[in-house]
Amino acid sequence: MSKKAAVIMGSDSDFPVVKSALTELKKYGVEYECRVMSAHRTPEEACAFAASARDNGFGVIICAAGMAAHLAGVVAGHTTLPVIGIPMKSKALEGIDALLATVMMPPGVPVATVGIDGAKNAAVLAVQMLSLSDEGLAEKLAAEKKAMAESVKAKDAALQEQIAAL
């Protein structure tokens, strides 16, 4: 049975960005659970979720948080599953604060971190991690990489035609 992905947001205001991660997971057929939990407002719930995630069938956890952005680190501290952090853009510092809080983890508590508001890449990275033990996902990833390459080649060919017409 394939492992699920957990997607946790520090606030429901993160959903417009996080939605693209859910769309990407769905595209690959990865089952997911999406929740709102806060490292600061509901720390017991976030820690309990992380501690039981492996036993509950999850294979990876994606955490989206802004500002102080401690969610991914708190979750990583309570699980042996890979954790991917999505630093969320904020008004005050444009997400730089969240990026630094997410990426600067102490030794032994890693958080894979994507770019600010990088929900789609977080989902692709999660799928890549899950594909290590799921050949079907690996095949879907390979097909997507091939499709992306073909798209770039088609754009280059169209550009060359435009240049030749100058």
N, C-alpha and C. Protein backbone atom coordinates (compact mmCIF):
# COMPACT_ATOMS: atom_id res chain seq x y z
N MET A 1 0.83 -1.19 0.00
CA MET A 1 0.00 0.00 0.00
C MET A 1 0.88 1.25 0.00
N SER A 2 0.54 2.21 -0.81
CA SER A 2 1.31 3.44 -0.91
C SER A 2 1.15 4.28 0.35
N LYS A 3 2.20 4.99 0.67
CA LYS A 3 2.18 5.89 1.81
C LYS A 3 1.44 7.17 1.43
N LYS A 4 0.83 7.80 2.43
CA LYS A 4 0.13 9.07 2.24
C LYS A 4 1.08 10.23 2.51
N ALA A 5 0.67 11.39 2.06
CA ALA A 5 1.37 12.64 2.38
C ALA A 5 0.49 13.45 3.32
N ALA A 6 1.11 14.04 4.31
CA ALA A 6 0.41 14.97 5.19
C ALA A 6 0.80 16.38 4.76
N VAL A 7 -0.18 17.26 4.72
CA VAL A 7 0.06 18.66 4.40
C VAL A 7 -0.54 19.47 5.55
N ILE A 8 0.33 20.16 6.27
CA ILE A 8 -0.11 20.91 7.44
C ILE A 8 0.18 22.39 7.22
N MET A 9 -0.82 23.20 7.49
CA MET A 9 -0.68 24.65 7.38
C MET A 9 -0.74 25.26 8.77
N GLY A 10 0.05 26.28 9.00
CA GLY A 10 0.00 26.99 10.27
C GLY A 10 -1.26 27.82 10.42
N SER A 11 -1.87 28.17 9.29
CA SER A 11 -3.08 28.99 9.29
C SER A 11 -3.88 28.69 8.04
N ASP A 12 -5.20 28.83 8.14
CA ASP A 12 -6.02 28.62 6.95
C ASP A 12 -5.77 29.69 5.89
N SER A 13 -5.15 30.80 6.27
CA SER A 13 -4.81 31.83 5.28
C SER A 13 -3.73 31.35 4.31
N ASP A 14 -3.06 30.24 4.65
CA ASP A 14 -2.05 29.67 3.77
C ASP A 14 -2.66 28.83 2.64
N PHE A 15 -3.95 28.53 2.75
CA PHE A 15 -4.57 27.60 1.80
C PHE A 15 -4.49 28.02 0.33
N PRO A 16 -4.68 29.31 0.00
CA PRO A 16 -4.58 29.65 -1.44
C PRO A 16 -3.26 29.23 -2.08
N VAL A 17 -2.16 29.27 -1.33
CA VAL A 17 -0.87 28.83 -1.85
C VAL A 17 -0.76 27.31 -1.76
N VAL A 18 -1.14 26.75 -0.63
CA VAL A 18 -1.00 25.31 -0.38
C VAL A 18 -1.86 24.48 -1.33
N LYS A 19 -2.93 25.06 -1.82
CA LYS A 19 -3.83 24.34 -2.72
C LYS A 19 -3.09 23.77 -3.93
N SER A 20 -2.07 24.46 -4.41
CA SER A 20 -1.33 23.94 -5.57
C SER A 20 -0.55 22.67 -5.20
N ALA A 21 -0.16 22.52 -3.96
CA ALA A 21 0.48 21.27 -3.53
C ALA A 21 -0.52 20.13 -3.55
N LEU A 22 -1.73 20.40 -3.09
CA LEU A 22 -2.77 19.36 -3.10
C LEU A 22 -3.12 18.95 -4.52
N THR A 23 -3.20 19.92 -5.40
CA THR A 23 -3.48 19.64 -6.81
C THR A 23 -2.39 18.76 -7.41
N GLU A 24 -1.15 19.05 -7.07
CA GLU A 24 -0.02 18.28 -7.60
C GLU A 24 -0.02 16.85 -7.03
N LEU A 25 -0.26 16.72 -5.75
CA LEU A 25 -0.33 15.38 -5.14
C LEU A 25 -1.44 14.57 -5.79
N LYS A 26 -2.58 15.20 -6.02
CA LYS A 26 -3.72 14.52 -6.64
C LYS A 26 -3.37 14.08 -8.07
N LYS A 27 -2.64 14.95 -8.79
CA LYS A 27 -2.23 14.62 -10.17
C LYS A 27 -1.44 13.32 -10.21
N TYR A 28 -0.61 13.09 -9.20
CA TYR A 28 0.20 11.87 -9.14
C TYR A 28 -0.52 10.72 -8.46
N GLY A 29 -1.74 10.95 -8.00
CA GLY A 29 -2.50 9.89 -7.34
C GLY A 29 -2.06 9.61 -5.92
N VAL A 30 -1.41 10.58 -5.28
CA VAL A 30 -0.95 10.41 -3.91
C VAL A 30 -2.08 10.80 -2.96
N GLU A 31 -2.43 9.89 -2.09
CA GLU A 31 -3.44 10.19 -1.08
C GLU A 31 -2.83 11.16 -0.07
N TYR A 32 -3.63 12.11 0.38
CA TYR A 32 -3.12 13.10 1.32
C TYR A 32 -4.18 13.46 2.34
N GLU A 33 -3.69 14.03 3.43
CA GLU A 33 -4.54 14.61 4.45
C GLU A 33 -4.04 16.02 4.68
N CYS A 34 -4.93 16.99 4.69
CA CYS A 34 -4.55 18.38 4.85
C CYS A 34 -5.18 18.92 6.13
N ARG A 35 -4.36 19.55 6.98
CA ARG A 35 -4.82 20.03 8.28
C ARG A 35 -4.27 21.41 8.58
N VAL A 36 -4.92 22.11 9.50
CA VAL A 36 -4.40 23.36 10.06
C VAL A 36 -3.97 23.05 11.48
N MET A 37 -2.69 23.28 11.77
CA MET A 37 -2.13 23.11 13.11
C MET A 37 -1.06 24.18 13.28
N SER A 38 -0.92 24.66 14.47
CA SER A 38 0.04 25.72 14.73
C SER A 38 1.10 25.26 15.72
N ALA A 39 2.34 25.58 15.41
CA ALA A 39 3.43 25.26 16.33
C ALA A 39 3.31 26.07 17.61
N HIS A 40 2.61 27.20 17.54
CA HIS A 40 2.51 28.09 18.69
C HIS A 40 1.15 28.05 19.36
N ARG A 41 0.08 27.86 18.59
CA ARG A 41 -1.27 27.91 19.16
C ARG A 41 -1.82 26.52 19.51
N THR A 42 -1.38 25.50 18.78
CA THR A 42 -1.80 24.12 19.09
C THR A 42 -0.59 23.20 19.06
N PRO A 43 0.41 23.48 19.87
CA PRO A 43 1.64 22.69 19.80
C PRO A 43 1.44 21.22 20.17
N GLU A 44 0.56 20.93 21.11
CA GLU A 44 0.33 19.53 21.50
C GLU A 44 -0.23 18.73 20.33
N GLU A 45 -1.18 19.32 19.61
CA GLU A 45 -1.79 18.63 18.46
C GLU A 45 -0.76 18.41 17.35
N ALA A 46 0.04 19.43 17.08
CA ALA A 46 1.05 19.30 16.01
C ALA A 46 2.07 18.22 16.38
N CYS A 47 2.50 18.20 17.62
CA CYS A 47 3.48 17.21 18.06
C CYS A 47 2.90 15.80 18.04
N ALA A 48 1.66 15.65 18.50
CA ALA A 48 1.01 14.34 18.50
C ALA A 48 0.80 13.83 17.08
N PHE A 49 0.40 14.72 16.17
CA PHE A 49 0.21 14.32 14.78
C PHE A 49 1.53 13.81 14.20
N ALA A 50 2.60 14.57 14.43
CA ALA A 50 3.91 14.19 13.90
C ALA A 50 4.39 12.87 14.49
N ALA A 51 4.22 12.71 15.79
CA ALA A 51 4.71 11.50 16.46
C ALA A 51 3.99 10.24 15.99
N SER A 52 2.74 10.37 15.57
CA SER A 52 1.96 9.20 15.15
C SER A 52 1.84 9.08 13.62
N ALA A 53 2.46 9.99 12.89
CA ALA A 53 2.28 10.02 11.42
C ALA A 53 2.71 8.73 10.75
N ARG A 54 3.86 8.20 11.10
CA ARG A 54 4.34 6.96 10.46
C ARG A 54 3.36 5.82 10.72
N ASP A 55 2.91 5.67 11.97
CA ASP A 55 1.96 4.61 12.31
C ASP A 55 0.62 4.80 11.62
N ASN A 56 0.31 6.04 11.24
CA ASN A 56 -0.96 6.34 10.57
C ASN A 56 -0.86 6.29 9.05
N GLY A 57 0.24 5.74 8.53
CA GLY A 57 0.35 5.49 7.09
C GLY A 57 0.96 6.61 6.26
N PHE A 58 1.52 7.61 6.91
CA PHE A 58 2.14 8.70 6.16
C PHE A 58 3.59 8.35 5.85
N GLY A 59 4.08 8.88 4.73
CA GLY A 59 5.46 8.67 4.33
C GLY A 59 6.25 9.95 4.24
N VAL A 60 5.56 11.09 4.28
CA VAL A 60 6.20 12.39 4.19
C VAL A 60 5.22 13.43 4.74
N ILE A 61 5.79 14.51 5.28
CA ILE A 61 4.96 15.58 5.83
C ILE A 61 5.43 16.90 5.22
N ILE A 62 4.49 17.65 4.68
CA ILE A 62 4.74 18.99 4.15
C ILE A 62 4.14 19.98 5.15
N CYS A 63 4.94 20.98 5.53
CA CYS A 63 4.47 22.01 6.48
C CYS A 63 4.62 23.39 5.86
N ALA A 64 3.53 24.15 5.85
CA ALA A 64 3.56 25.52 5.35
C ALA A 64 3.33 26.48 6.51
N ALA A 65 4.23 27.45 6.66
CA ALA A 65 4.08 28.43 7.73
C ALA A 65 4.81 29.70 7.36
N GLY A 66 4.31 30.80 7.87
CA GLY A 66 4.91 32.10 7.63
C GLY A 66 5.45 32.70 8.90
N MET A 67 6.04 33.86 8.76
CA MET A 67 6.62 34.63 9.86
C MET A 67 7.63 33.81 10.64
N ALA A 68 7.38 33.51 11.91
CA ALA A 68 8.35 32.75 12.70
C ALA A 68 8.56 31.34 12.14
N ALA A 69 7.55 30.78 11.51
CA ALA A 69 7.63 29.53 10.73
C ALA A 69 8.29 28.37 11.47
N HIS A 70 7.85 28.10 12.67
CA HIS A 70 8.42 27.01 13.44
C HIS A 70 7.73 25.66 13.20
N LEU A 71 6.65 25.65 12.45
CA LEU A 71 5.87 24.43 12.28
C LEU A 71 6.69 23.26 11.75
N ALA A 72 7.41 23.45 10.67
CA ALA A 72 8.18 22.35 10.08
C ALA A 72 9.23 21.83 11.05
N GLY A 73 9.88 22.71 11.77
CA GLY A 73 10.90 22.29 12.73
C GLY A 73 10.31 21.53 13.90
N VAL A 74 9.18 21.99 14.41
CA VAL A 74 8.51 21.30 15.51
C VAL A 74 8.08 19.91 15.06
N VAL A 75 7.49 19.84 13.87
CA VAL A 75 7.06 18.55 13.34
C VAL A 75 8.27 17.64 13.14
N ALA A 76 9.34 18.16 12.55
CA ALA A 76 10.55 17.35 12.32
C ALA A 76 11.15 16.84 13.62
N GLY A 77 10.99 17.59 14.68
CA GLY A 77 11.50 17.17 15.96
C GLY A 77 10.73 16.03 16.60
N HIS A 78 9.56 15.72 16.03
CA HIS A 78 8.70 14.69 16.62
C HIS A 78 8.41 13.53 15.68
N THR A 79 9.17 13.41 14.59
CA THR A 79 8.97 12.30 13.65
C THR A 79 10.30 11.92 13.01
N THR A 80 10.35 10.70 12.50
CA THR A 80 11.51 10.28 11.71
C THR A 80 11.20 10.33 10.22
N LEU A 81 9.99 10.76 9.87
CA LEU A 81 9.63 10.92 8.46
C LEU A 81 10.30 12.16 7.88
N PRO A 82 10.51 12.19 6.56
CA PRO A 82 11.01 13.41 5.96
C PRO A 82 9.96 14.52 6.06
N VAL A 83 10.44 15.72 6.37
CA VAL A 83 9.58 16.89 6.48
C VAL A 83 10.05 17.92 5.46
N ILE A 84 9.09 18.47 4.73
CA ILE A 84 9.37 19.50 3.72
C ILE A 84 8.69 20.78 4.19
N GLY A 85 9.46 21.86 4.29
CA GLY A 85 8.90 23.13 4.71
C GLY A 85 8.64 24.06 3.54
N ILE A 86 7.47 24.70 3.59
CA ILE A 86 7.13 25.75 2.62
C ILE A 86 7.10 27.07 3.39
N PRO A 87 8.12 27.91 3.22
CA PRO A 87 8.06 29.22 3.85
C PRO A 87 7.02 30.09 3.13
N MET A 88 6.13 30.69 3.89
CA MET A 88 5.05 31.47 3.30
C MET A 88 5.40 32.96 3.30
N LYS A 89 5.04 33.61 2.22
CA LYS A 89 5.28 35.04 2.08
C LYS A 89 4.40 35.80 3.07
N SER A 90 4.96 36.82 3.68
CA SER A 90 4.20 37.66 4.60
C SER A 90 4.38 39.12 4.21
N LYS A 91 3.57 39.96 4.80
CA LYS A 91 3.64 41.39 4.47
C LYS A 91 4.91 42.03 5.00
N ALA A 92 5.30 41.68 6.21
CA ALA A 92 6.40 42.39 6.87
C ALA A 92 7.73 42.21 6.17
N LEU A 93 8.15 40.97 5.95
CA LEU A 93 9.48 40.71 5.39
C LEU A 93 9.44 39.89 4.10
N GLU A 94 8.28 39.84 3.46
CA GLU A 94 8.14 39.16 2.16
C GLU A 94 8.48 37.67 2.20
N GLY A 95 8.48 37.06 3.38
CA GLY A 95 8.75 35.64 3.49
C GLY A 95 10.19 35.27 3.81
N ILE A 96 11.07 36.25 3.81
CA ILE A 96 12.48 35.98 4.14
C ILE A 96 12.59 35.44 5.57
N ASP A 97 11.79 35.98 6.48
CA ASP A 97 11.79 35.51 7.86
C ASP A 97 11.39 34.04 7.93
N ALA A 98 10.35 33.68 7.20
CA ALA A 98 9.88 32.28 7.19
C ALA A 98 10.91 31.37 6.53
N LEU A 99 11.54 31.84 5.46
CA LEU A 99 12.56 31.05 4.78
C LEU A 99 13.71 30.73 5.73
N LEU A 100 14.20 31.73 6.42
CA LEU A 100 15.32 31.51 7.33
C LEU A 100 14.91 30.63 8.50
N ALA A 101 13.72 30.83 9.05
CA ALA A 101 13.26 30.01 10.17
C ALA A 101 13.08 28.55 9.76
N THR A 102 12.71 28.32 8.51
CA THR A 102 12.47 26.96 8.02
C THR A 102 13.76 26.25 7.67
N VAL A 103 14.67 26.95 7.06
CA VAL A 103 15.88 26.30 6.56
C VAL A 103 16.98 26.16 7.62
N MET A 104 17.00 27.02 8.61
CA MET A 104 18.09 27.02 9.60
C MET A 104 17.75 26.11 10.78
N MET A 105 17.88 24.81 10.56
CA MET A 105 17.56 23.82 11.57
C MET A 105 18.83 23.31 12.24
N PRO A 106 18.72 22.87 13.50
CA PRO A 106 19.90 22.35 14.19
C PRO A 106 20.30 20.98 13.64
N PRO A 107 21.55 20.59 13.84
CA PRO A 107 22.01 19.28 13.38
C PRO A 107 21.12 18.16 13.92
N GLY A 108 20.78 17.23 13.04
CA GLY A 108 19.97 16.08 13.43
C GLY A 108 18.48 16.27 13.28
N VAL A 109 18.06 17.49 12.94
CA VAL A 109 16.63 17.77 12.76
C VAL A 109 16.45 18.48 11.41
N PRO A 110 16.65 17.75 10.30
CA PRO A 110 16.58 18.41 8.99
C PRO A 110 15.15 18.70 8.55
N VAL A 111 15.02 19.78 7.81
CA VAL A 111 13.78 20.11 7.11
C VAL A 111 14.18 20.46 5.68
N ALA A 112 13.71 19.69 4.73
CA ALA A 112 13.92 20.03 3.32
C ALA A 112 13.08 21.27 3.06
N THR A 113 13.66 22.29 2.47
CA THR A 113 12.96 23.56 2.33
C THR A 113 12.90 23.96 0.87
N VAL A 114 11.71 24.32 0.42
CA VAL A 114 11.53 24.83 -0.94
C VAL A 114 11.49 26.36 -0.88
N GLY A 115 11.35 26.98 -2.01
CA GLY A 115 11.32 28.44 -2.05
C GLY A 115 10.07 29.02 -1.41
N ILE A 116 10.09 30.31 -1.20
CA ILE A 116 8.95 31.01 -0.62
C ILE A 116 7.72 30.77 -1.48
N ASP A 117 6.63 30.33 -0.84
CA ASP A 117 5.36 29.98 -1.50
C ASP A 117 5.53 28.85 -2.53
N GLY A 118 6.54 28.00 -2.34
CA GLY A 118 6.85 26.94 -3.31
C GLY A 118 6.07 25.65 -3.08
N ALA A 119 4.77 25.76 -2.98
CA ALA A 119 3.94 24.60 -2.66
C ALA A 119 4.01 23.50 -3.72
N LYS A 120 4.01 23.87 -4.99
CA LYS A 120 4.06 22.85 -6.04
C LYS A 120 5.36 22.06 -5.96
N ASN A 121 6.48 22.75 -5.76
CA ASN A 121 7.76 22.04 -5.64
C ASN A 121 7.79 21.16 -4.40
N ALA A 122 7.15 21.61 -3.32
CA ALA A 122 7.07 20.77 -2.11
C ALA A 122 6.36 19.47 -2.43
N ALA A 123 5.28 19.56 -3.18
CA ALA A 123 4.53 18.35 -3.54
C ALA A 123 5.35 17.44 -4.45
N VAL A 124 6.04 18.01 -5.43
CA VAL A 124 6.87 17.20 -6.32
C VAL A 124 7.97 16.52 -5.53
N LEU A 125 8.60 17.24 -4.61
CA LEU A 125 9.64 16.64 -3.78
C LEU A 125 9.06 15.52 -2.92
N ALA A 126 7.87 15.73 -2.39
CA ALA A 126 7.21 14.67 -1.61
C ALA A 126 6.96 13.44 -2.47
N VAL A 127 6.49 13.65 -3.70
CA VAL A 127 6.26 12.53 -4.61
C VAL A 127 7.58 11.82 -4.92
N GLN A 128 8.65 12.57 -5.11
CA GLN A 128 9.95 11.95 -5.36
C GLN A 128 10.38 11.10 -4.18
N MET A 129 10.16 11.59 -2.97
CA MET A 129 10.51 10.81 -1.78
C MET A 129 9.68 9.54 -1.70
N LEU A 130 8.39 9.66 -1.94
CA LEU A 130 7.51 8.49 -1.90
C LEU A 130 7.83 7.51 -3.02
N SER A 131 8.35 8.02 -4.14
CA SER A 131 8.65 7.14 -5.28
C SER A 131 9.82 6.22 -5.02
N LEU A 132 10.59 6.47 -3.98
CA LEU A 132 11.70 5.58 -3.64
C LEU A 132 11.22 4.17 -3.34
N SER A 133 9.98 4.06 -2.87
CA SER A 133 9.42 2.73 -2.58
C SER A 133 8.14 2.47 -3.36
N ASP A 134 7.92 3.24 -4.43
CA ASP A 134 6.70 3.09 -5.23
C ASP A 134 7.05 3.29 -6.70
N GLU A 135 7.22 2.17 -7.40
CA GLU A 135 7.65 2.23 -8.81
C GLU A 135 6.63 2.96 -9.69
N GLY A 136 5.35 2.85 -9.36
CA GLY A 136 4.33 3.55 -10.13
C GLY A 136 4.52 5.06 -10.09
N LEU A 137 4.83 5.58 -8.90
CA LEU A 137 5.11 7.02 -8.78
C LEU A 137 6.37 7.39 -9.54
N ALA A 138 7.38 6.53 -9.48
CA ALA A 138 8.63 6.80 -10.21
C ALA A 138 8.36 6.91 -11.71
N GLU A 139 7.52 6.04 -12.23
CA GLU A 139 7.18 6.08 -13.66
C GLU A 139 6.42 7.36 -14.00
N LYS A 140 5.49 7.78 -13.14
CA LYS A 140 4.75 9.02 -13.38
C LYS A 140 5.68 10.22 -13.37
N LEU A 141 6.64 10.23 -12.45
CA LEU A 141 7.62 11.32 -12.40
C LEU A 141 8.46 11.36 -13.68
N ALA A 142 8.90 10.21 -14.14
CA ALA A 142 9.71 10.14 -15.36
C ALA A 142 8.90 10.66 -16.56
N ALA A 143 7.63 10.29 -16.63
CA ALA A 143 6.79 10.76 -17.73
C ALA A 143 6.60 12.28 -17.66
N GLU A 144 6.46 12.82 -16.48
CA GLU A 144 6.30 14.26 -16.32
C GLU A 144 7.57 15.00 -16.73
N LYS A 145 8.73 14.47 -16.34
CA LYS A 145 10.00 15.08 -16.74
C LYS A 145 10.14 15.09 -18.27
N LYS A 146 9.75 13.99 -18.88
CA LYS A 146 9.81 13.91 -20.35
C LYS A 146 8.88 14.92 -20.99
N ALA A 147 7.66 15.06 -20.44
CA ALA A 147 6.70 16.02 -20.97
C ALA A 147 7.21 17.45 -20.83
N MET A 148 7.85 17.76 -19.70
CA MET A 148 8.42 19.10 -19.51
C MET A 148 9.52 19.37 -20.54
N ALA A 149 10.36 18.38 -20.78
CA ALA A 149 11.43 18.55 -21.76
C ALA A 149 10.86 18.76 -23.16
N GLU A 150 9.85 18.00 -23.51
CA GLU A 150 9.22 18.15 -24.83
C GLU A 150 8.60 19.53 -24.98
N SER A 151 8.02 20.05 -23.92
CA SER A 151 7.43 21.38 -23.95
C SER A 151 8.49 22.45 -24.21
N VAL A 152 9.63 22.32 -23.56
CA VAL A 152 10.72 23.28 -23.76
C VAL A 152 11.24 23.19 -25.18
N LYS A 153 11.39 21.97 -25.70
CA LYS A 153 11.86 21.80 -27.07
C LYS A 153 10.89 22.41 -28.07
N ALA A 154 9.60 22.27 -27.84
CA ALA A 154 8.60 22.85 -28.73
C ALA A 154 8.65 24.38 -28.68
N LYS A 155 8.86 24.93 -27.51
CA LYS A 155 8.98 26.39 -27.38
C LYS A 155 10.23 26.89 -28.09
N ASP A 156 11.32 26.14 -27.99
CA ASP A 156 12.55 26.53 -28.67
C ASP A 156 12.35 26.48 -30.19
N ALA A 157 11.69 25.45 -30.67
CA ALA A 157 11.45 25.34 -32.12
C ALA A 157 10.60 26.52 -32.61
N ALA A 158 9.58 26.89 -31.83
CA ALA A 158 8.74 28.02 -32.21
C ALA A 158 9.54 29.32 -32.20
N LEU A 159 10.43 29.47 -31.23
CA LEU A 159 11.28 30.65 -31.16
C LEU A 159 12.21 30.72 -32.37
N GLN A 160 12.79 29.57 -32.74
CA GLN A 160 13.70 29.54 -33.89
C GLN A 160 12.98 29.94 -35.16
N GLU A 161 11.71 29.55 -35.31
CA GLU A 161 10.93 29.95 -36.48
C GLU A 161 10.72 31.46 -36.48
N GLN A 162 10.44 32.04 -35.31
CA GLN A 162 10.26 33.49 -35.22
C GLN A 162 11.54 34.23 -35.56
N ILE A 163 12.66 33.71 -35.08
CA ILE A 163 13.94 34.34 -35.35
C ILE A 163 14.29 34.25 -36.83
N ALA A 164 14.02 33.10 -37.44
CA ALA A 164 14.31 32.93 -38.87
C ALA A 164 13.46 33.87 -39.73
N ALA A 165 12.28 34.24 -39.22
CA ALA A 165 11.38 35.13 -39.98
C ALA A 165 11.76 36.60 -39.85
N LEU A 166 12.73 36.92 -39.02
CA LEU A 166 13.12 38.34 -38.84
C LEU A 166 13.80 38.89 -40.06
